[in-house]
Structures are given as structure tokens and as C-alpha cells.
Amino acid sequence: MNHPPLEGARADNAPRRSPVLLGAAQRFVLSVVLFQFLFTVLSYAASGEVHITFLANPTDYHTTPGHAFLVVSIHTSNGPKEEAFGFYPRAGGKTFVGWPGAVESQFRRNPDSFSRVTASFTREITLLQYYNIGRIMQAFNRSDYSLLETNCIDLVDSVARSISLKTPVRAVIQTPVAYVKELARLNADVFEIRLYNADDLLIASLNGTEVARAGFRGDTGRQPLKTKQGDNALEIALYNDVLGVAWGYQVYKNGKVIISDQCGQANVRGCYDKNYPKGLIWKRSFNLRADY
């Protein structure tokens, strides 16, 4: 059992320094873990995207207290490099009162927790944010673990706020799963699409349903896409009536363009300065991954 069923909160979420000093050996081991984490960041982050995932195990009042923890993943040419961390009381610690806490590798401390995840939420982060997360973990590594003041949810909450996410209101009666699900709801991905410069007809479909249409020289403006959690199939098709064709489309995720293309100018110059037959000219498919 890693900590009691109900996770509490402090008003400011700031970890307290423990009045009981960690032994030199324990501090060395924990520092090595965090150093390896930061070294991984500096070594690999430049070559791929960096993502952080917030996860939670459910509360079972008879056997399992539940737990909130983090996974940081760096996508490299050799595959993902992952580290997982959670905030725990040190071995033998009492969780209802202040006791030296430790940020530990989730893979080592509680590897079974990954098979019991019922809530998760992922966000892409920058290298600087990644570095600051390491500093937050170092601060928690010098703090007490306490049921009602600083616990595993507080580490997750501090990291979420450090990357500018909207965070749930902390409460004394709050489970890890409830917190992560609300965090996901507050920060759900927002997708939009714009079809423009159409010559002759652009049609966009999401998961098999038409969501936007731009006729000759039309411009839909930015239209919301109602995505589901996980993968969503987006298709954009261009149809021609006569002579040349032109097109333009943009797909936005959280306000940023992630997919775009434009060719020709409707009713002025056809794409590649050539004529095309009547009917479907091309259909392009994209996957939109939505995190909730």
C-alpha cells in the first residue's frame, strides 16, 4: 500500500521541507534518478517531441488506495524514451502525519500500477518545461508526504500548473482518478478546420461524417471538429467540375495550425497550370489524436 485511499490537499500546493533529514545514501540514490531524468532530456529532446502523461489508479477502499503519477516520453529515431515518477512516503513512513517523502521511479516502486490505470491525459511540452518539471520533482524530494497536506496528487497538480494547464480545484476529499479525469476535461484538445480557395468543391469528413464543405471560391472559416478521445479519421476530398482546380485547407489543434496545404488560385490559375477531368481529383486522410 503506497498511501491511504483519500488524497488531501494544501491550500498553496507548495511542498514542505521535512524536519527529518534524509540519509546520505537515500539522498544520493534519489538524486541519481533525477539526474538520469534530466540527462535523458538534454540528450534526446532535440531529436523528437516530448510528451507528459498524467495517470491515476482507482481507489479500492479494501485493498488499493489509488495513486496519481507521471510519465514523460521523448520520441526519438530509436523509439520512445520514457521515465515515470510518483510521490510517496519513504519506506515505513506514516502517511497521516508529516513524514519524509520521495519522488521515486514508478517502474521500480510500483510497476503494477500501469496495468491499473483508469484515467490518463497527455500533453506535448517544451524542453524548458521538461527541465522545470525536474526541478519541481527535486523540490518534492525534499518535502514531507502527508495525507492532508502534500501527497501524490500535489506533485501531479504542481507539474500541471507549471506547463500552464487549467487545474481542478484541490479538495480534502479527492481521489487520484477524479483529479486526472477533471484535469483532462478542463484541457481537452480543441480541433478546427478551414476549407478555402475551392475550385470547384472541397469536402471534409470526420470519422465518416461530413463536417465542412466549400463550394467554388468558397471559404468556410474555422469550423469546430467534434473529436472523440483517441484517434479520429479526417478526410479531405477535392472535386472538379471543369478545367483547372485549386484548393486550400488548414487544420488547427488548440489554436495552432498542424496540417495545411494550398495550390493554385480559384478562378484565376489552376494548380500546376493544367486542366483536370470532372469528378474526384484526390482524397487525403489524416489522423487527429485527441487527448481528454
C-alpha atoms as a PDB file:
ATOM      1  CA  MET A   1       0.000   0.000   0.000  1.00  0.00           C
ATOM      2  CA  ASN A   2       1.565   3.249  -1.102  1.00  0.00           C
ATOM      3  CA  HIS A   3      -0.751   5.723   0.660  1.00  0.00           C
ATOM      4  CA  PRO A   4      -4.309   5.907   2.083  1.00  0.00           C
ATOM      5  CA  PRO A   5      -7.480   5.942  -0.064  1.00  0.00           C
ATOM      6  CA  LEU A   6      -8.332   9.614   0.025  1.00  0.00           C
ATOM      7  CA  GLU A   7      -5.869  12.184  -1.207  1.00  0.00           C
ATOM      8  CA  GLY A   8      -5.849  15.541   0.573  1.00  0.00           C
ATOM      9  CA  ALA A   9      -4.563  18.955  -0.380  1.00  0.00           C
ATOM     10  CA  ARG A  10      -2.731  22.005   0.900  1.00  0.00           C
ATOM     11  CA  ALA A  11      -4.028  25.486   0.134  1.00  0.00           C
ATOM     12  CA  ASP A  12      -0.896  26.502  -1.789  1.00  0.00           C
ATOM     13  CA  ASN A  13       0.288  23.092  -3.057  1.00  0.00           C
ATOM     14  CA  ALA A  14       3.824  24.012  -2.008  1.00  0.00           C
ATOM     15  CA  PRO A  15       5.808  21.094  -0.580  1.00  0.00           C
ATOM     16  CA  ARG A  16       7.182  21.425   2.948  1.00  0.00           C
ATOM     17  CA  ARG A  17      10.798  20.709   3.804  1.00  0.00           C
ATOM     18  CA  SER A  18      10.981  17.723   6.095  1.00  0.00           C
ATOM     19  CA  PRO A  19      12.270  18.296   9.638  1.00  0.00           C
ATOM     20  CA  VAL A  20      13.763  14.787   9.369  1.00  0.00           C
ATOM     21  CA  LEU A  21      16.747  14.776   7.045  1.00  0.00           C
ATOM     22  CA  LEU A  22      17.115  12.015   4.528  1.00  0.00           C
ATOM     23  CA  GLY A  23      20.125   9.805   4.994  1.00  0.00           C
ATOM     24  CA  ALA A  24      23.069  10.495   2.731  1.00  0.00           C
ATOM     25  CA  ALA A  25      22.612   7.205   0.877  1.00  0.00           C
ATOM     26  CA  GLN A  26      18.912   7.823   0.223  1.00  0.00           C
ATOM     27  CA  ARG A  27      19.548  11.353  -0.964  1.00  0.00           C
ATOM     28  CA  PHE A  28      22.292  10.137  -3.298  1.00  0.00           C
ATOM     29  CA  VAL A  29      20.091   7.439  -4.862  1.00  0.00           C
ATOM     30  CA  LEU A  30      17.186   9.832  -5.398  1.00  0.00           C
ATOM     31  CA  SER A  31      19.492  12.468  -6.863  1.00  0.00           C
ATOM     32  CA  VAL A  32      20.882   9.928  -9.318  1.00  0.00           C
ATOM     33  CA  VAL A  33      17.368   9.060 -10.505  1.00  0.00           C
ATOM     34  CA  LEU A  34      16.530  12.715 -11.120  1.00  0.00           C
ATOM     35  CA  PHE A  35      19.913  13.347 -12.758  1.00  0.00           C
ATOM     36  CA  GLN A  36      19.273  10.484 -15.163  1.00  0.00           C
ATOM     37  CA  PHE A  37      15.884  12.023 -15.926  1.00  0.00           C
ATOM     38  CA  LEU A  38      17.396  15.414 -16.781  1.00  0.00           C
ATOM     39  CA  PHE A  39      20.270  13.825 -18.721  1.00  0.00           C
ATOM     40  CA  THR A  40      17.739  11.953 -20.852  1.00  0.00           C
ATOM     41  CA  VAL A  41      16.013  15.247 -21.597  1.00  0.00           C
ATOM     42  CA  LEU A  42      19.158  17.019 -22.712  1.00  0.00           C
ATOM     43  CA  SER A  43      20.381  14.021 -24.715  1.00  0.00           C
ATOM     44  CA  TYR A  44      17.238  13.205 -26.678  1.00  0.00           C
ATOM     45  CA  ALA A  45      14.724  16.047 -26.599  1.00  0.00           C
ATOM     46  CA  ALA A  46      16.262  17.885 -29.529  1.00  0.00           C
ATOM     47  CA  SER A  47      15.611  14.935 -31.821  1.00  0.00           C
ATOM     48  CA  GLY A  48      11.889  14.465 -31.208  1.00  0.00           C
ATOM     49  CA  GLU A  49       8.713  15.504 -29.464  1.00  0.00           C
ATOM     50  CA  VAL A  50       8.398  15.461 -25.697  1.00  0.00           C
ATOM     51  CA  HIS A  51       5.117  14.431 -24.056  1.00  0.00           C
ATOM     52  CA  ILE A  52       3.940  14.172 -20.478  1.00  0.00           C
ATOM     53  CA  THR A  53       1.113  11.889 -19.390  1.00  0.00           C
ATOM     54  CA  PHE A  54      -0.804  12.222 -16.127  1.00  0.00           C
ATOM     55  CA  LEU A  55      -2.153   8.872 -14.902  1.00  0.00           C
ATOM     56  CA  ALA A  56      -4.219   7.587 -11.992  1.00  0.00           C
ATOM     57  CA  ASN A  57      -5.116   4.273 -10.387  1.00  0.00           C
ATOM     58  CA  PRO A  58      -8.583   3.832  -8.883  1.00  0.00           C
ATOM     59  CA  THR A  59      -9.357   3.710  -5.186  1.00  0.00           C
ATOM     60  CA  ASP A  60     -10.366   0.404  -3.676  1.00  0.00           C
ATOM     61  CA  TYR A  61     -11.103   1.033  -0.030  1.00  0.00           C
ATOM     62  CA  HIS A  62     -10.382  -2.612   0.844  1.00  0.00           C
ATOM     63  CA  THR A  63      -7.048  -3.174  -0.877  1.00  0.00           C
ATOM     64  CA  THR A  64      -5.733  -0.350  -3.047  1.00  0.00           C
ATOM     65  CA  PRO A  65      -5.593   3.319  -2.086  1.00  0.00           C
ATOM     66  CA  GLY A  66      -5.153   4.689  -5.604  1.00  0.00           C
ATOM     67  CA  HIS A  67      -2.289   6.737  -6.922  1.00  0.00           C
ATOM     68  CA  ALA A  68      -1.521   9.617  -9.294  1.00  0.00           C
ATOM     69  CA  PHE A  69       1.765   9.677 -11.192  1.00  0.00           C
ATOM     70  CA  LEU A  70       3.545  10.965 -14.308  1.00  0.00           C
ATOM     71  CA  VAL A  71       5.145   9.507 -17.427  1.00  0.00           C
ATOM     72  CA  VAL A  72       7.466  11.636 -19.555  1.00  0.00           C
ATOM     73  CA  SER A  73       8.197  10.349 -23.052  1.00  0.00           C
ATOM     74  CA  ILE A  74      10.722  11.586 -25.592  1.00  0.00           C
ATOM     75  CA  HIS A  75      10.177  10.381 -29.142  1.00  0.00           C
ATOM     76  CA  THR A  76      13.498   9.658 -30.845  1.00  0.00           C
ATOM     77  CA  SER A  77      14.630   7.948 -34.021  1.00  0.00           C
ATOM     78  CA  ASN A  78      15.313   4.862 -31.884  1.00  0.00           C
ATOM     79  CA  GLY A  79      11.864   4.824 -30.329  1.00  0.00           C
ATOM     80  CA  PRO A  80      10.388   6.441 -27.229  1.00  0.00           C
ATOM     81  CA  LYS A  81      12.468   7.042 -24.110  1.00  0.00           C
ATOM     82  CA  GLU A  82      10.250   7.027 -21.024  1.00  0.00           C
ATOM     83  CA  GLU A  83      10.564   7.858 -17.347  1.00  0.00           C
ATOM     84  CA  ALA A  84       7.757   7.516 -14.797  1.00  0.00           C
ATOM     85  CA  PHE A  85       7.601   9.198 -11.404  1.00  0.00           C
ATOM     86  CA  GLY A  86       5.312   9.274  -8.375  1.00  0.00           C
ATOM     87  CA  PHE A  87       5.415  10.931  -4.961  1.00  0.00           C
ATOM     88  CA  TYR A  88       5.470   8.530  -1.995  1.00  0.00           C
ATOM     89  CA  PRO A  89       6.204   8.456   1.711  1.00  0.00           C
ATOM     90  CA  ARG A  90       9.580   6.897   2.310  1.00  0.00           C
ATOM     91  CA  ALA A  91       9.549   3.207   3.176  1.00  0.00           C
ATOM     92  CA  GLY A  92       7.997   2.658   6.584  1.00  0.00           C
ATOM     93  CA  GLY A  93       6.572   6.169   6.657  1.00  0.00           C
ATOM     94  CA  LYS A  94       3.309   7.276   8.251  1.00  0.00           C
ATOM     95  CA  THR A  95       1.018   8.988   5.784  1.00  0.00           C
ATOM     96  CA  PHE A  96      -1.489  10.694   8.067  1.00  0.00           C
ATOM     97  CA  VAL A  97       1.233  12.890   9.549  1.00  0.00           C
ATOM     98  CA  GLY A  98       4.261  14.557   8.018  1.00  0.00           C
ATOM     99  CA  TRP A  99       6.906  12.043   7.007  1.00  0.00           C
ATOM    100  CA  PRO A 100       9.851  12.400   4.633  1.00  0.00           C
ATOM    101  CA  GLY A 101       8.590  11.957   1.106  1.00  0.00           C
ATOM    102  CA  ALA A 102      10.396  10.874  -2.025  1.00  0.00           C
ATOM    103  CA  VAL A 103       9.863  11.164  -5.770  1.00  0.00           C
ATOM    104  CA  GLU A 104      10.571   7.650  -6.988  1.00  0.00           C
ATOM    105  CA  SER A 105      10.669   5.796 -10.273  1.00  0.00           C
ATOM    106  CA  GLN A 106       7.221   4.336 -10.846  1.00  0.00           C
ATOM    107  CA  PHE A 107       8.808   1.458 -12.741  1.00  0.00           C
ATOM    108  CA  ARG A 108      10.727   0.463  -9.610  1.00  0.00           C
ATOM    109  CA  ARG A 109       8.392   1.416  -6.784  1.00  0.00           C
ATOM    110  CA  ASN A 110       5.052   0.277  -8.177  1.00  0.00           C
ATOM    111  CA  PRO A 111       5.312  -1.331 -11.648  1.00  0.00           C
ATOM    112  CA  ASP A 112       1.865  -2.948 -11.343  1.00  0.00           C
ATOM    113  CA  SER A 113       0.250   0.494 -11.352  1.00  0.00           C
ATOM    114  CA  PHE A 114       0.456   0.702 -15.154  1.00  0.00           C
ATOM    115  CA  SER A 115      -1.982  -2.178 -15.609  1.00  0.00           C
ATOM    116  CA  ARG A 116      -4.498  -0.497 -13.282  1.00  0.00           C
ATOM    117  CA  VAL A 117      -4.700   2.944 -14.924  1.00  0.00           C
ATOM    118  CA  THR A 118      -8.294   4.145 -15.396  1.00  0.00           C
ATOM    119  CA  ALA A 119      -7.631   7.823 -16.122  1.00  0.00           C
ATOM    120  CA  SER A 120      -4.918   9.455 -18.226  1.00  0.00           C
ATOM    121  CA  PHE A 121      -4.205  12.675 -20.075  1.00  0.00           C
ATOM    122  CA  THR A 122      -1.309  13.581 -22.391  1.00  0.00           C
ATOM    123  CA  ARG A 123       0.178  16.890 -23.471  1.00  0.00           C
ATOM    124  CA  GLU A 124       3.170  17.851 -25.600  1.00  0.00           C
ATOM    125  CA  ILE A 125       5.671  20.011 -23.725  1.00  0.00           C
ATOM    126  CA  THR A 126       8.788  22.031 -24.493  1.00  0.00           C
ATOM    127  CA  LEU A 127      12.352  21.275 -23.444  1.00  0.00           C
ATOM    128  CA  LEU A 128      12.280  24.160 -20.962  1.00  0.00           C
ATOM    129  CA  GLN A 129       9.052  22.851 -19.416  1.00  0.00           C
ATOM    130  CA  TYR A 130      10.626  19.414 -19.222  1.00  0.00           C
ATOM    131  CA  TYR A 131      13.611  20.853 -17.367  1.00  0.00           C
ATOM    132  CA  ASN A 132      11.350  22.735 -14.929  1.00  0.00           C
ATOM    133  CA  ILE A 133       9.468  19.506 -14.173  1.00  0.00           C
ATOM    134  CA  GLY A 134      12.755  18.037 -12.990  1.00  0.00           C
ATOM    135  CA  ARG A 135      13.204  20.990 -10.638  1.00  0.00           C
ATOM    136  CA  ILE A 136       9.688  20.510  -9.255  1.00  0.00           C
ATOM    137  CA  MET A 137      10.450  16.872  -8.533  1.00  0.00           C
ATOM    138  CA  GLN A 138      13.632  17.859  -6.739  1.00  0.00           C
ATOM    139  CA  ALA A 139      11.602  20.220  -4.523  1.00  0.00           C
ATOM    140  CA  PHE A 140       9.114  17.477  -3.668  1.00  0.00           C
ATOM    141  CA  ASN A 141      12.033  15.175  -2.975  1.00  0.00           C
ATOM    142  CA  ARG A 142      12.942  17.454  -0.050  1.00  0.00           C
ATOM    143  CA  SER A 143       9.392  17.656   1.326  1.00  0.00           C
ATOM    144  CA  ASP A 144       7.149  15.725   3.677  1.00  0.00           C
ATOM    145  CA  TYR A 145       4.475  13.355   2.448  1.00  0.00           C
ATOM    146  CA  SER A 146       1.213  13.958   4.318  1.00  0.00           C
ATOM    147  CA  LEU A 147      -2.309  12.759   3.598  1.00  0.00           C
ATOM    148  CA  LEU A 148      -3.909  16.151   4.163  1.00  0.00           C
ATOM    149  CA  GLU A 149      -1.128  18.455   3.064  1.00  0.00           C
ATOM    150  CA  THR A 150       1.234  17.129   0.381  1.00  0.00           C
ATOM    151  CA  ASN A 151       0.578  13.858  -1.426  1.00  0.00           C
ATOM    152  CA  CYS A 152       0.838  12.227  -4.852  1.00  0.00           C
ATOM    153  CA  ILE A 153      -1.890  14.422  -6.374  1.00  0.00           C
ATOM    154  CA  ASP A 154       0.001  17.545  -5.314  1.00  0.00           C
ATOM    155  CA  LEU A 155       3.034  16.543  -7.376  1.00  0.00           C
ATOM    156  CA  VAL A 156       0.805  15.989 -10.410  1.00  0.00           C
ATOM    157  CA  ASP A 157      -1.006  19.276  -9.743  1.00  0.00           C
ATOM    158  CA  SER A 158       2.247  21.255  -9.445  1.00  0.00           C
ATOM    159  CA  VAL A 159       3.571  19.815 -12.697  1.00  0.00           C
ATOM    160  CA  ALA A 160       0.267  20.527 -14.489  1.00  0.00           C
ATOM    161  CA  ARG A 161       0.314  24.156 -13.356  1.00  0.00           C
ATOM    162  CA  SER A 162       3.966  24.521 -14.398  1.00  0.00           C
ATOM    163  CA  ILE A 163       3.036  23.784 -18.037  1.00  0.00           C
ATOM    164  CA  SER A 164       0.106  26.240 -17.899  1.00  0.00           C
ATOM    165  CA  LEU A 165      -2.706  23.692 -17.800  1.00  0.00           C
ATOM    166  CA  LYS A 166      -6.051  24.520 -16.225  1.00  0.00           C
ATOM    167  CA  THR A 167      -6.106  22.553 -12.984  1.00  0.00           C
ATOM    168  CA  PRO A 168      -9.000  21.239 -10.862  1.00  0.00           C
ATOM    169  CA  VAL A 169      -9.748  22.813  -7.521  1.00  0.00           C
ATOM    170  CA  ARG A 170      -7.955  20.776  -4.874  1.00  0.00           C
ATOM    171  CA  ALA A 171     -10.138  19.329  -2.122  1.00  0.00           C
ATOM    172  CA  VAL A 172      -9.629  17.264   1.010  1.00  0.00           C
ATOM    173  CA  ILE A 173     -11.949  14.560  -0.346  1.00  0.00           C
ATOM    174  CA  GLN A 174     -10.412  13.962  -3.769  1.00  0.00           C
ATOM    175  CA  THR A 175      -9.270  10.729  -5.396  1.00  0.00           C
ATOM    176  CA  PRO A 176      -6.441  10.469  -7.938  1.00  0.00           C
ATOM    177  CA  VAL A 177      -8.806   9.271 -10.681  1.00  0.00           C
ATOM    178  CA  ALA A 178     -11.251  12.124 -10.060  1.00  0.00           C
ATOM    179  CA  TYR A 179      -8.426  14.652 -10.248  1.00  0.00           C
ATOM    180  CA  VAL A 180      -6.916  13.330 -13.505  1.00  0.00           C
ATOM    181  CA  LYS A 181     -10.313  12.993 -15.201  1.00  0.00           C
ATOM    182  CA  GLU A 182     -11.171  16.595 -14.338  1.00  0.00           C
ATOM    183  CA  LEU A 183      -7.713  17.738 -15.476  1.00  0.00           C
ATOM    184  CA  ALA A 184      -8.359  16.058 -18.820  1.00  0.00           C
ATOM    185  CA  ARG A 185     -11.824  17.603 -19.139  1.00  0.00           C
ATOM    186  CA  LEU A 186     -10.542  21.097 -18.422  1.00  0.00           C
ATOM    187  CA  ASN A 187      -7.777  20.794 -21.015  1.00  0.00           C
ATOM    188  CA  ALA A 188      -9.407  18.722 -23.758  1.00  0.00           C
ATOM    189  CA  ASP A 189      -7.875  19.196 -27.212  1.00  0.00           C
ATOM    190  CA  VAL A 190      -9.809  21.547 -29.499  1.00  0.00           C
ATOM    191  CA  PHE A 191      -9.636  20.900 -33.250  1.00  0.00           C
ATOM    192  CA  GLU A 192     -10.855  23.163 -36.069  1.00  0.00           C
ATOM    193  CA  ILE A 193     -10.787  23.033 -39.858  1.00  0.00           C
ATOM    194  CA  ARG A 194     -10.869  25.673 -42.575  1.00  0.00           C
ATOM    195  CA  LEU A 195     -11.539  24.941 -46.267  1.00  0.00           C
ATOM    196  CA  TYR A 196     -10.878  27.770 -48.729  1.00  0.00           C
ATOM    197  CA  ASN A 197      -9.682  28.616 -52.238  1.00  0.00           C
ATOM    198  CA  ALA A 198     -12.017  25.909 -53.550  1.00  0.00           C
ATOM    199  CA  ASP A 199     -12.162  25.190 -57.277  1.00  0.00           C
ATOM    200  CA  ASP A 200     -14.500  23.535 -57.613  1.00  0.00           C
ATOM    201  CA  LEU A 201     -15.537  21.715 -54.390  1.00  0.00           C
ATOM    202  CA  LEU A 202     -13.800  20.747 -51.113  1.00  0.00           C
ATOM    203  CA  ILE A 203     -15.450  18.367 -48.622  1.00  0.00           C
ATOM    204  CA  ALA A 204     -14.093  17.371 -45.187  1.00  0.00           C
ATOM    205  CA  SER A 205     -15.338  14.341 -43.222  1.00  0.00           C
ATOM    206  CA  LEU A 206     -14.530  13.292 -39.666  1.00  0.00           C
ATOM    207  CA  ASN A 207     -14.971   9.655 -38.667  1.00  0.00           C
ATOM    208  CA  GLY A 208     -17.169   9.126 -41.726  1.00  0.00           C
ATOM    209  CA  THR A 209     -19.427  12.181 -41.267  1.00  0.00           C
ATOM    210  CA  GLU A 210     -19.227  15.325 -43.383  1.00  0.00           C
ATOM    211  CA  VAL A 211     -18.185  18.285 -41.243  1.00  0.00           C
ATOM    212  CA  ALA A 212     -17.340  21.070 -43.728  1.00  0.00           C
ATOM    213  CA  ARG A 213     -17.912  21.951 -47.383  1.00  0.00           C
ATOM    214  CA  ALA A 214     -16.570  24.805 -49.516  1.00  0.00           C
ATOM    215  CA  GLY A 215     -18.031  25.411 -52.970  1.00  0.00           C
ATOM    216  CA  PHE A 216     -16.472  27.327 -55.848  1.00  0.00           C
ATOM    217  CA  ARG A 217     -14.267  30.134 -54.425  1.00  0.00           C
ATOM    218  CA  GLY A 218     -15.725  29.383 -51.009  1.00  0.00           C
ATOM    219  CA  ASP A 219     -14.158  29.812 -47.576  1.00  0.00           C
ATOM    220  CA  THR A 220     -15.676  28.075 -44.549  1.00  0.00           C
ATOM    221  CA  GLY A 221     -13.685  29.958 -41.959  1.00  0.00           C
ATOM    222  CA  ARG A 222     -12.551  27.968 -38.924  1.00  0.00           C
ATOM    223  CA  GLN A 223     -15.120  25.299 -38.097  1.00  0.00           C
ATOM    224  CA  PRO A 224     -15.018  23.217 -34.873  1.00  0.00           C
ATOM    225  CA  LEU A 225     -14.414  19.491 -35.138  1.00  0.00           C
ATOM    226  CA  LYS A 226     -16.172  17.282 -32.593  1.00  0.00           C
ATOM    227  CA  THR A 227     -13.490  14.704 -31.943  1.00  0.00           C
ATOM    228  CA  LYS A 228     -13.674  11.662 -29.705  1.00  0.00           C
ATOM    229  CA  GLN A 229     -10.967  10.631 -27.278  1.00  0.00           C
ATOM    230  CA  GLY A 230      -8.102   8.903 -29.044  1.00  0.00           C
ATOM    231  CA  ASP A 231      -7.745   8.580 -32.816  1.00  0.00           C
ATOM    232  CA  ASN A 232     -10.038  10.393 -35.263  1.00  0.00           C
ATOM    233  CA  ALA A 233     -10.049   9.862 -39.045  1.00  0.00           C
ATOM    234  CA  LEU A 234     -10.146  13.124 -41.028  1.00  0.00           C
ATOM    235  CA  GLU A 235     -10.602  13.036 -44.814  1.00  0.00           C
ATOM    236  CA  ILE A 236     -10.462  15.968 -47.223  1.00  0.00           C
ATOM    237  CA  ALA A 237     -11.574  15.493 -50.835  1.00  0.00           C
ATOM    238  CA  LEU A 238     -11.346  17.747 -53.881  1.00  0.00           C
ATOM    239  CA  TYR A 239     -13.858  17.537 -56.726  1.00  0.00           C
ATOM    240  CA  ASN A 240     -13.652  19.219 -60.135  1.00  0.00           C
ATOM    241  CA  ASP A 241     -16.402  20.343 -62.468  1.00  0.00           C
ATOM    242  CA  VAL A 242     -14.442  21.710 -65.401  1.00  0.00           C
ATOM    243  CA  LEU A 243     -10.926  22.860 -66.408  1.00  0.00           C
ATOM    244  CA  GLY A 244      -8.365  23.610 -63.646  1.00  0.00           C
ATOM    245  CA  VAL A 245      -8.503  23.001 -59.915  1.00  0.00           C
ATOM    246  CA  ALA A 246      -7.364  24.845 -56.780  1.00  0.00           C
ATOM    247  CA  TRP A 247      -7.584  24.176 -53.078  1.00  0.00           C
ATOM    248  CA  GLY A 248      -6.628  25.308 -49.616  1.00  0.00           C
ATOM    249  CA  TYR A 249      -7.135  23.783 -46.182  1.00  0.00           C
ATOM    250  CA  GLN A 250      -5.918  24.258 -42.622  1.00  0.00           C
ATOM    251  CA  VAL A 251      -6.416  22.084 -39.548  1.00  0.00           C
ATOM    252  CA  TYR A 252      -5.931  23.630 -36.114  1.00  0.00           C
ATOM    253  CA  LYS A 253      -5.176  21.974 -32.785  1.00  0.00           C
ATOM    254  CA  ASN A 254      -5.563  24.183 -29.725  1.00  0.00           C
ATOM    255  CA  GLY A 255      -5.294  27.260 -31.930  1.00  0.00           C
ATOM    256  CA  LYS A 256      -2.168  26.193 -33.868  1.00  0.00           C
ATOM    257  CA  VAL A 257      -2.060  25.039 -37.484  1.00  0.00           C
ATOM    258  CA  ILE A 258      -0.937  21.401 -37.597  1.00  0.00           C
ATOM    259  CA  ILE A 259      -1.959  20.496 -41.184  1.00  0.00           C
ATOM    260  CA  SER A 260      -2.162  22.806 -44.192  1.00  0.00           C
ATOM    261  CA  ASP A 261      -1.815  22.919 -47.960  1.00  0.00           C
ATOM    262  CA  GLN A 262      -2.709  25.303 -50.773  1.00  0.00           C
ATOM    263  CA  CYS A 263      -2.311  25.162 -54.531  1.00  0.00           C
ATOM    264  CA  GLY A 264      -3.455  27.438 -57.346  1.00  0.00           C
ATOM    265  CA  GLN A 265      -5.909  30.338 -57.092  1.00  0.00           C
ATOM    266  CA  ALA A 266      -9.612  29.682 -57.530  1.00  0.00           C
ATOM    267  CA  ASN A 267     -10.998  31.037 -60.854  1.00  0.00           C
ATOM    268  CA  VAL A 268      -7.615  32.611 -61.673  1.00  0.00           C
ATOM    269  CA  ARG A 269      -4.903  29.989 -62.069  1.00  0.00           C
ATOM    270  CA  GLY A 270      -5.298  26.264 -61.821  1.00  0.00           C
ATOM    271  CA  CYS A 271      -2.927  24.201 -59.719  1.00  0.00           C
ATOM    272  CA  TYR A 272       0.133  23.233 -61.788  1.00  0.00           C
ATOM    273  CA  ASP A 273      -1.413  25.228 -64.695  1.00  0.00           C
ATOM    274  CA  LYS A 274      -3.216  22.217 -66.098  1.00  0.00           C
ATOM    275  CA  ASN A 275      -6.770  21.005 -66.617  1.00  0.00           C
ATOM    276  CA  TYR A 276      -8.275  18.047 -64.805  1.00  0.00           C
ATOM    277  CA  PRO A 277     -11.169  15.679 -65.537  1.00  0.00           C
ATOM    278  CA  LYS A 278     -14.564  16.041 -63.908  1.00  0.00           C
ATOM    279  CA  GLY A 279     -15.161  14.252 -60.596  1.00  0.00           C
ATOM    280  CA  LEU A 280     -12.959  13.288 -57.648  1.00  0.00           C
ATOM    281  CA  ILE A 281      -9.412  14.607 -58.077  1.00  0.00           C
ATOM    282  CA  TRP A 282      -7.887  13.456 -54.795  1.00  0.00           C
ATOM    283  CA  LYS A 283      -8.767  12.363 -51.248  1.00  0.00           C
ATOM    284  CA  ARG A 284      -6.344  12.863 -48.359  1.00  0.00           C
ATOM    285  CA  SER A 285      -6.516  11.167 -44.970  1.00  0.00           C
ATOM    286  CA  PHE A 286      -5.182  12.361 -41.617  1.00  0.00           C
ATOM    287  CA  ASN A 287      -5.271  11.061 -38.065  1.00  0.00           C
ATOM    288  CA  LEU A 288      -6.218  13.505 -35.305  1.00  0.00           C
ATOM    289  CA  ARG A 289      -5.202  12.288 -31.877  1.00  0.00           C
ATOM    290  CA  ALA A 290      -7.381  13.916 -29.231  1.00  0.00           C
ATOM    291  CA  ASP A 291      -6.476  13.820 -25.545  1.00  0.00           C
ATOM    292  CA  TYR A 292      -9.203  14.360 -22.981  1.00  0.00           C
END
